[in-house]
C-alpha atoms as a PDB file:
ATOM      1  CA  MET A   1     -47.290  10.095 -56.247  1.00  0.00           C
ATOM      2  CA  LYS A   2     -49.888  11.780 -54.028  1.00  0.00           C
ATOM      3  CA  VAL A   3     -50.548  11.133 -50.322  1.00  0.00           C
ATOM      4  CA  THR A   4     -53.792  12.686 -48.963  1.00  0.00           C
ATOM      5  CA  TYR A   5     -54.270  12.370 -45.460  1.00  0.00           C
ATOM      6  CA  TRP A   6     -56.992  13.291 -42.727  1.00  0.00           C
ATOM      7  CA  SER A   7     -55.781  14.862 -39.632  1.00  0.00           C
ATOM      8  CA  ASP A   8     -56.362  17.249 -36.783  1.00  0.00           C
ATOM      9  CA  PHE A   9     -54.079  19.695 -35.068  1.00  0.00           C
ATOM     10  CA  ALA A  10     -55.341  18.483 -31.760  1.00  0.00           C
ATOM     11  CA  CYS A  11     -54.419  14.807 -32.370  1.00  0.00           C
ATOM     12  CA  PRO A  12     -51.147  13.551 -30.973  1.00  0.00           C
ATOM     13  CA  TYR A  13     -51.004  10.488 -33.479  1.00  0.00           C
ATOM     14  CA  CYS A  14     -51.630  12.771 -36.274  1.00  0.00           C
ATOM     15  CA  TYR A  15     -48.380  14.679 -35.644  1.00  0.00           C
ATOM     16  CA  VAL A  16     -46.607  11.401 -35.008  1.00  0.00           C
ATOM     17  CA  GLY A  17     -48.031   9.739 -38.156  1.00  0.00           C
ATOM     18  CA  GLU A  18     -47.156  12.763 -40.213  1.00  0.00           C
ATOM     19  CA  THR A  19     -43.601  12.921 -39.008  1.00  0.00           C
ATOM     20  CA  ARG A  20     -43.118   9.315 -39.987  1.00  0.00           C
ATOM     21  CA  LEU A  21     -44.736   9.803 -43.433  1.00  0.00           C
ATOM     22  CA  HIS A  22     -41.906  12.315 -44.266  1.00  0.00           C
ATOM     23  CA  LYS A  23     -39.148  10.184 -42.840  1.00  0.00           C
ATOM     24  CA  ALA A  24     -40.427   7.354 -44.980  1.00  0.00           C
ATOM     25  CA  ILE A  25     -40.687   9.355 -47.983  1.00  0.00           C
ATOM     26  CA  GLU A  26     -37.134  10.829 -47.361  1.00  0.00           C
ATOM     27  CA  SER A  27     -35.684   7.445 -46.810  1.00  0.00           C
ATOM     28  CA  LEU A  28     -37.098   6.365 -50.185  1.00  0.00           C
ATOM     29  CA  GLY A  29     -35.503   9.373 -52.030  1.00  0.00           C
ATOM     30  CA  LEU A  30     -39.108  10.542 -53.056  1.00  0.00           C
ATOM     31  CA  ALA A  31     -38.892  13.973 -51.505  1.00  0.00           C
ATOM     32  CA  ASP A  32     -39.291  15.599 -54.834  1.00  0.00           C
ATOM     33  CA  ASP A  33     -41.855  13.173 -56.349  1.00  0.00           C
ATOM     34  CA  VAL A  34     -44.472  12.983 -53.639  1.00  0.00           C
ATOM     35  CA  GLU A  35     -47.299  15.541 -53.112  1.00  0.00           C
ATOM     36  CA  VAL A  36     -48.529  15.570 -49.642  1.00  0.00           C
ATOM     37  CA  GLU A  37     -52.060  17.144 -48.877  1.00  0.00           C
ATOM     38  CA  MET A  38     -53.404  17.400 -45.440  1.00  0.00           C
ATOM     39  CA  LYS A  39     -57.242  17.431 -45.258  1.00  0.00           C
ATOM     40  CA  ALA A  40     -59.312  18.377 -42.202  1.00  0.00           C
ATOM     41  CA  PHE A  41     -60.839  15.947 -39.724  1.00  0.00           C
ATOM     42  CA  GLU A  42     -61.853  17.894 -36.452  1.00  0.00           C
ATOM     43  CA  LEU A  43     -61.738  15.832 -33.357  1.00  0.00           C
ATOM     44  CA  TYR A  44     -63.679  18.411 -31.552  1.00  0.00           C
ATOM     45  CA  PRO A  45     -65.845  20.278 -33.924  1.00  0.00           C
ATOM     46  CA  ASP A  46     -67.788  21.898 -31.281  1.00  0.00           C
ATOM     47  CA  ALA A  47     -64.990  22.933 -28.984  1.00  0.00           C
ATOM     48  CA  PRO A  48     -65.292  26.679 -27.935  1.00  0.00           C
ATOM     49  CA  ARG A  49     -62.749  29.298 -28.928  1.00  0.00           C
ATOM     50  CA  GLU A  50     -61.908  29.789 -25.262  1.00  0.00           C
ATOM     51  CA  VAL A  51     -59.595  27.577 -23.534  1.00  0.00           C
ATOM     52  CA  GLN A  52     -61.208  24.855 -21.523  1.00  0.00           C
ATOM     53  CA  GLY A  53     -58.206  23.603 -19.568  1.00  0.00           C
ATOM     54  CA  THR A  54     -55.372  21.392 -20.329  1.00  0.00           C
ATOM     55  CA  THR A  55     -55.268  17.793 -21.881  1.00  0.00           C
ATOM     56  CA  LEU A  56     -54.224  16.604 -18.272  1.00  0.00           C
ATOM     57  CA  ASP A  57     -57.423  18.010 -16.948  1.00  0.00           C
ATOM     58  CA  ARG A  58     -59.567  16.575 -19.938  1.00  0.00           C
ATOM     59  CA  PHE A  59     -58.010  12.936 -19.538  1.00  0.00           C
ATOM     60  CA  ALA A  60     -58.812  13.046 -15.623  1.00  0.00           C
ATOM     61  CA  ARG A  61     -62.203  14.201 -16.212  1.00  0.00           C
ATOM     62  CA  LYS A  62     -63.276  12.174 -19.370  1.00  0.00           C
ATOM     63  CA  TYR A  63     -61.653   8.811 -18.233  1.00  0.00           C
ATOM     64  CA  ARG A  64     -62.416   9.319 -14.355  1.00  0.00           C
ATOM     65  CA  LEU A  65     -58.772   8.979 -13.581  1.00  0.00           C
ATOM     66  CA  THR A  66     -56.536  10.549 -10.863  1.00  0.00           C
ATOM     67  CA  ARG A  67     -54.378  13.204 -12.279  1.00  0.00           C
ATOM     68  CA  ALA A  68     -51.403  10.813 -11.640  1.00  0.00           C
ATOM     69  CA  ALA A  69     -52.930   8.186 -13.829  1.00  0.00           C
ATOM     70  CA  ALA A  70     -54.121  10.576 -16.316  1.00  0.00           C
ATOM     71  CA  ARG A  71     -50.406  11.837 -16.462  1.00  0.00           C
ATOM     72  CA  GLN A  72     -49.280   8.241 -17.069  1.00  0.00           C
ATOM     73  CA  ARG A  73     -51.516   7.635 -19.903  1.00  0.00           C
ATOM     74  CA  ILE A  74     -50.378  10.983 -21.538  1.00  0.00           C
ATOM     75  CA  ASP A  75     -46.577  10.426 -20.769  1.00  0.00           C
ATOM     76  CA  SER A  76     -46.941   7.051 -22.870  1.00  0.00           C
ATOM     77  CA  ILE A  77     -48.232   9.149 -25.932  1.00  0.00           C
ATOM     78  CA  SER A  78     -45.752  11.823 -25.498  1.00  0.00           C
ATOM     79  CA  ALA A  79     -42.836   9.239 -25.542  1.00  0.00           C
ATOM     80  CA  MET A  80     -44.055   7.900 -28.794  1.00  0.00           C
ATOM     81  CA  GLY A  81     -43.577  11.574 -29.974  1.00  0.00           C
ATOM     82  CA  ARG A  82     -40.254  12.059 -28.429  1.00  0.00           C
ATOM     83  CA  ALA A  83     -39.075   8.703 -30.200  1.00  0.00           C
ATOM     84  CA  GLU A  84     -39.714  10.643 -33.478  1.00  0.00           C
ATOM     85  CA  GLY A  85     -37.713  13.655 -32.309  1.00  0.00           C
ATOM     86  CA  ILE A  86     -40.586  15.920 -31.334  1.00  0.00           C
ATOM     87  CA  ASP A  87     -40.386  17.703 -27.790  1.00  0.00           C
ATOM     88  CA  PHE A  88     -43.919  16.668 -26.862  1.00  0.00           C
ATOM     89  CA  ASN A  89     -45.566  18.634 -24.097  1.00  0.00           C
ATOM     90  CA  TYR A  90     -49.005  16.693 -24.578  1.00  0.00           C
ATOM     91  CA  ALA A  91     -50.103  17.267 -20.833  1.00  0.00           C
ATOM     92  CA  THR A  92     -50.231  20.821 -20.993  1.00  0.00           C
ATOM     93  CA  THR A  93     -51.706  21.337 -24.583  1.00  0.00           C
ATOM     94  CA  ARG A  94     -54.692  23.673 -24.191  1.00  0.00           C
ATOM     95  CA  ASN A  95     -57.895  22.585 -25.460  1.00  0.00           C
ATOM     96  CA  THR A  96     -59.658  24.792 -27.902  1.00  0.00           C
ATOM     97  CA  ASN A  97     -61.415  25.088 -31.486  1.00  0.00           C
ATOM     98  CA  MET A  98     -59.035  24.243 -34.337  1.00  0.00           C
ATOM     99  CA  PHE A  99     -61.457  25.322 -37.254  1.00  0.00           C
ATOM    100  CA  ASP A 100     -59.611  28.464 -38.137  1.00  0.00           C
ATOM    101  CA  ALA A 101     -56.241  26.566 -38.255  1.00  0.00           C
ATOM    102  CA  HIS A 102     -57.896  24.196 -40.758  1.00  0.00           C
ATOM    103  CA  ARG A 103     -59.219  26.996 -42.966  1.00  0.00           C
ATOM    104  CA  LEU A 104     -55.694  28.534 -43.162  1.00  0.00           C
ATOM    105  CA  THR A 105     -54.424  25.389 -43.838  1.00  0.00           C
ATOM    106  CA  LYS A 106     -56.617  25.418 -46.977  1.00  0.00           C
ATOM    107  CA  LEU A 107     -55.113  28.764 -47.895  1.00  0.00           C
ATOM    108  CA  ALA A 108     -51.641  27.371 -47.384  1.00  0.00           C
ATOM    109  CA  HIS A 109     -52.492  24.313 -49.683  1.00  0.00           C
ATOM    110  CA  GLU A 110     -53.759  26.515 -52.490  1.00  0.00           C
ATOM    111  CA  GLN A 111     -50.326  28.331 -52.370  1.00  0.00           C
ATOM    112  CA  GLY A 112     -48.296  25.034 -52.408  1.00  0.00           C
ATOM    113  CA  ASN A 113     -47.130  25.799 -48.759  1.00  0.00           C
ATOM    114  CA  THR A 114     -47.017  22.765 -46.352  1.00  0.00           C
ATOM    115  CA  ARG A 115     -44.838  24.847 -43.699  1.00  0.00           C
ATOM    116  CA  PHE A 116     -47.944  26.282 -42.168  1.00  0.00           C
ATOM    117  CA  GLU A 117     -49.378  22.788 -41.170  1.00  0.00           C
ATOM    118  CA  GLU A 118     -45.938  21.927 -39.577  1.00  0.00           C
ATOM    119  CA  LEU A 119     -45.782  25.021 -37.615  1.00  0.00           C
ATOM    120  CA  CYS A 120     -49.262  24.490 -36.319  1.00  0.00           C
ATOM    121  CA  PHE A 121     -48.585  21.063 -34.912  1.00  0.00           C
ATOM    122  CA  HIS A 122     -45.409  22.514 -33.324  1.00  0.00           C
ATOM    123  CA  ALA A 123     -47.094  25.352 -31.873  1.00  0.00           C
ATOM    124  CA  TYR A 124     -49.721  22.993 -30.205  1.00  0.00           C
ATOM    125  CA  PHE A 125     -47.774  20.177 -29.166  1.00  0.00           C
ATOM    126  CA  VAL A 126     -44.402  21.581 -28.251  1.00  0.00           C
ATOM    127  CA  ASP A 127     -45.261  25.336 -27.479  1.00  0.00           C
ATOM    128  CA  ASN A 128     -48.794  24.779 -26.249  1.00  0.00           C
ATOM    129  CA  GLU A 129     -50.152  27.819 -28.061  1.00  0.00           C
ATOM    130  CA  VAL A 130     -53.862  28.638 -28.045  1.00  0.00           C
ATOM    131  CA  MET A 131     -54.774  27.694 -31.500  1.00  0.00           C
ATOM    132  CA  SER A 132     -58.106  29.392 -31.927  1.00  0.00           C
ATOM    133  CA  ASP A 133     -56.319  32.677 -31.099  1.00  0.00           C
ATOM    134  CA  HIS A 134     -56.029  34.680 -34.421  1.00  0.00           C
ATOM    135  CA  ALA A 135     -52.806  36.582 -33.154  1.00  0.00           C
ATOM    136  CA  VAL A 136     -51.277  33.128 -32.715  1.00  0.00           C
ATOM    137  CA  LEU A 137     -52.404  31.982 -36.275  1.00  0.00           C
ATOM    138  CA  ARG A 138     -51.228  35.344 -37.687  1.00  0.00           C
ATOM    139  CA  ARG A 139     -47.666  34.656 -36.379  1.00  0.00           C
ATOM    140  CA  LEU A 140     -47.588  31.318 -37.702  1.00  0.00           C
ATOM    141  CA  ALA A 141     -49.011  32.263 -41.085  1.00  0.00           C
ATOM    142  CA  LYS A 142     -46.153  35.035 -41.313  1.00  0.00           C
ATOM    143  CA  GLN A 143     -43.457  32.279 -40.252  1.00  0.00           C
ATOM    144  CA  ALA A 144     -44.756  30.027 -42.874  1.00  0.00           C
ATOM    145  CA  GLY A 145     -44.477  32.875 -45.526  1.00  0.00           C
ATOM    146  CA  LEU A 146     -48.326  33.268 -46.200  1.00  0.00           C
ATOM    147  CA  PRO A 147     -49.461  36.656 -47.667  1.00  0.00           C
ATOM    148  CA  GLU A 148     -50.459  38.709 -44.806  1.00  0.00           C
ATOM    149  CA  ALA A 149     -53.473  40.176 -46.738  1.00  0.00           C
ATOM    150  CA  ASP A 150     -54.759  36.787 -47.535  1.00  0.00           C
ATOM    151  CA  VAL A 151     -54.250  35.790 -44.046  1.00  0.00           C
ATOM    152  CA  GLU A 152     -56.402  38.651 -42.781  1.00  0.00           C
ATOM    153  CA  ARG A 153     -58.927  38.082 -45.594  1.00  0.00           C
ATOM    154  CA  VAL A 154     -59.292  34.472 -44.526  1.00  0.00           C
ATOM    155  CA  LEU A 155     -59.632  35.268 -40.647  1.00  0.00           C
ATOM    156  CA  SER A 156     -62.105  38.048 -41.221  1.00  0.00           C
ATOM    157  CA  SER A 157     -64.491  36.108 -43.193  1.00  0.00           C
ATOM    158  CA  ASP A 158     -65.795  32.261 -43.464  1.00  0.00           C
ATOM    159  CA  GLU A 159     -63.528  31.488 -46.380  1.00  0.00           C
ATOM    160  CA  TYR A 160     -62.682  27.943 -46.819  1.00  0.00           C
ATOM    161  CA  ALA A 161     -65.308  26.939 -44.323  1.00  0.00           C
ATOM    162  CA  ASP A 162     -66.851  25.086 -46.999  1.00  0.00           C
ATOM    163  CA  ALA A 163     -63.605  23.398 -47.790  1.00  0.00           C
ATOM    164  CA  VAL A 164     -63.022  22.214 -44.386  1.00  0.00           C
ATOM    165  CA  ARG A 165     -66.500  20.788 -43.988  1.00  0.00           C
ATOM    166  CA  ALA A 166     -66.391  19.073 -47.517  1.00  0.00           C
ATOM    167  CA  ASP A 167     -63.050  17.234 -46.153  1.00  0.00           C
ATOM    168  CA  GLU A 168     -64.989  16.042 -43.159  1.00  0.00           C
ATOM    169  CA  ARG A 169     -67.906  14.807 -45.167  1.00  0.00           C
ATOM    170  CA  GLU A 170     -65.469  12.943 -47.461  1.00  0.00           C
ATOM    171  CA  ALA A 171     -63.718  11.187 -44.593  1.00  0.00           C
ATOM    172  CA  HIS A 172     -67.130  10.101 -43.320  1.00  0.00           C
ATOM    173  CA  SER A 173     -68.336   8.871 -46.632  1.00  0.00           C
ATOM    174  CA  MET A 174     -65.309   6.567 -46.818  1.00  0.00           C
ATOM    175  CA  GLY A 175     -66.022   5.155 -43.275  1.00  0.00           C
ATOM    176  CA  VAL A 176     -63.180   7.098 -41.668  1.00  0.00           C
ATOM    177  CA  ASN A 177     -63.828   7.618 -38.028  1.00  0.00           C
ATOM    178  CA  ALA A 178     -60.342   7.961 -36.838  1.00  0.00           C
ATOM    179  CA  VAL A 179     -57.228  10.022 -37.697  1.00  0.00           C
ATOM    180  CA  PRO A 180     -54.510  10.083 -39.012  1.00  0.00           C
ATOM    181  CA  PHE A 181     -55.803   8.226 -42.102  1.00  0.00           C
ATOM    182  CA  PHE A 182     -53.662   8.339 -45.337  1.00  0.00           C
ATOM    183  CA  VAL A 183     -54.452   7.381 -48.828  1.00  0.00           C
ATOM    184  CA  VAL A 184     -51.646   6.953 -51.287  1.00  0.00           C
ATOM    185  CA  ASP A 185     -52.558   7.529 -55.162  1.00  0.00           C
ATOM    186  CA  GLY A 186     -55.903   6.952 -54.327  1.00  0.00           C
ATOM    187  CA  LYS A 187     -55.620   3.152 -53.666  1.00  0.00           C
ATOM    188  CA  TYR A 188     -53.494   2.229 -50.797  1.00  0.00           C
ATOM    189  CA  THR A 189     -54.617   3.209 -47.357  1.00  0.00           C
ATOM    190  CA  ILE A 190     -52.676   3.724 -43.877  1.00  0.00           C
ATOM    191  CA  SER A 191     -54.698   3.994 -40.746  1.00  0.00           C
ATOM    192  CA  GLY A 192     -53.302   5.514 -37.696  1.00  0.00           C
ATOM    193  CA  ALA A 193     -49.696   6.259 -36.960  1.00  0.00           C
ATOM    194  CA  GLN A 194     -48.041   3.212 -38.269  1.00  0.00           C
ATOM    195  CA  PRO A 195     -44.198   2.472 -37.843  1.00  0.00           C
ATOM    196  CA  ILE A 196     -41.999   3.922 -40.510  1.00  0.00           C
ATOM    197  CA  GLU A 197     -41.427   0.483 -41.972  1.00  0.00           C
ATOM    198  CA  GLU A 198     -45.205  -0.059 -42.708  1.00  0.00           C
ATOM    199  CA  MET A 199     -45.252   3.466 -44.364  1.00  0.00           C
ATOM    200  CA  THR A 200     -42.157   2.685 -46.304  1.00  0.00           C
ATOM    201  CA  ARG A 201     -43.723  -0.606 -47.459  1.00  0.00           C
ATOM    202  CA  VAL A 202     -46.988   0.938 -48.630  1.00  0.00           C
ATOM    203  CA  LEU A 203     -45.224   3.786 -50.427  1.00  0.00           C
ATOM    204  CA  THR A 204     -42.897   1.231 -52.154  1.00  0.00           C
ATOM    205  CA  ASN A 205     -45.878  -0.776 -53.447  1.00  0.00           C
ATOM    206  CA  ALA A 206     -47.502   2.436 -54.831  1.00  0.00           C
ATOM    207  CA  ARG A 207     -44.344   3.668 -56.491  1.00  0.00           C
ATOM    208  CA  ASP A 208     -43.739   0.061 -58.046  1.00  0.00           C
ATOM    209  CA  ALA A 209     -47.340  -0.232 -59.155  1.00  0.00           C
ATOM    210  CA  ALA A 210     -46.974   3.404 -60.871  1.00  0.00           C
ATOM    211  CA  LEU A 211     -43.762   2.317 -62.583  1.00  0.00           C
ATOM    212  CA  ALA A 212     -45.353  -0.740 -63.999  1.00  0.00           C
ATOM    213  CA  GLU A 213     -48.338   1.069 -65.106  1.00  0.00           C
ATOM    214  CA  ASP A 214     -45.941   3.483 -66.964  1.00  0.00           C
ATOM    215  CA  THR A 215     -44.325   0.619 -68.870  1.00  0.00           C
ATOM    216  CA  THR A 216     -45.334   0.285 -72.397  1.00  0.00           C
ATOM    217  CA  GLU A 217     -44.710  -2.529 -74.519  1.00  0.00           C
ATOM    218  CA  GLY A 218     -43.525  -2.633 -78.269  1.00  0.00           C
ATOM    219  CA  GLY A 219     -42.364  -5.557 -80.584  1.00  0.00           C
ATOM    220  CA  ALA A 220     -39.934  -7.830 -78.961  1.00  0.00           C
ATOM    221  CA  CYS A 221     -38.469 -11.271 -79.314  1.00  0.00           C
ATOM    222  CA  GLY A 222     -37.599 -13.945 -76.770  1.00  0.00           C
ATOM    223  CA  PRO A 223     -36.270 -17.477 -76.750  1.00  0.00           C
ATOM    224  CA  GLU A 224     -39.700 -18.618 -78.260  1.00  0.00           C
ATOM    225  CA  GLY A 225     -39.637 -16.292 -81.249  1.00  0.00           C
ATOM    226  CA  CYS A 226     -40.828 -12.777 -81.703  1.00  0.00           C
ATOM    227  CA  ALA A 227     -44.230 -11.419 -81.024  1.00  0.00           C
ATOM    228  CA  ILE A 228     -46.432 -10.878 -84.100  1.00  0.00           C
END
C-alpha cells in the first residue's frame, strides 16, 4: 500500500494529520506494508527567508484581532496537536520560507529516509526553529542521517527545485487547494487532518480492496455443482 500526501512544514494541521496517519497505520499492524511519501505544497511560496514575526503576530494582523483573541484561536489549534502528544508551540513559530526544507525532503525520500520530515515538523512547531536557516537544516539533516555531502550539494544549488514545483502543479491539477491531502493507493482520498478513526477506515478499505484484487480463482465446486 502507498500513501501519498501533500503537506507543508508551516501547516499545523499537516503535522497533526501526519501524526494521526502513522498512528492509524500502526493500529492496523501495517507499519511494514505501507510506503508513505510526502509531497510539497507551500502555503507561503513567496515568504522571505528572513523571519517576519511569529504566528501570533501574523494572526493578529491578518484577521485584525487583538493579540488576546489571536492567541485564543491559536491555542485551539495547539490543543489539537497536544491531544496527539505533540508539545505544540504554535503561537511562537517563526514565519519564513520553507522551500529549501522541501528540497531536502526530496533528497531524503530518494534515500528512503522519512526521519528528516518528522524532524522538520518538530523543529518548527515544538522548537520554533527558523526553517530557512541552512545551519538549522544541516543540523536536522545530520540528525536524520542524511549524507553531509549530499546535503551541501542540494543547499548550494537549486537541485530538487523542479521536483518541488512539480508536486505543487500536480496538487493544483487535482483541485487540491488545502493541505494536508492524502491519497491512498491512487484511489482513496483523505482531506484534512481527519480523526484517526476515519483514517483507519480508509486504510482498511484500501487494504481489503488490494487483497480482493490479489485473489485468483481456479476450478471449484459448490452446492450447485462444479464450474466448467
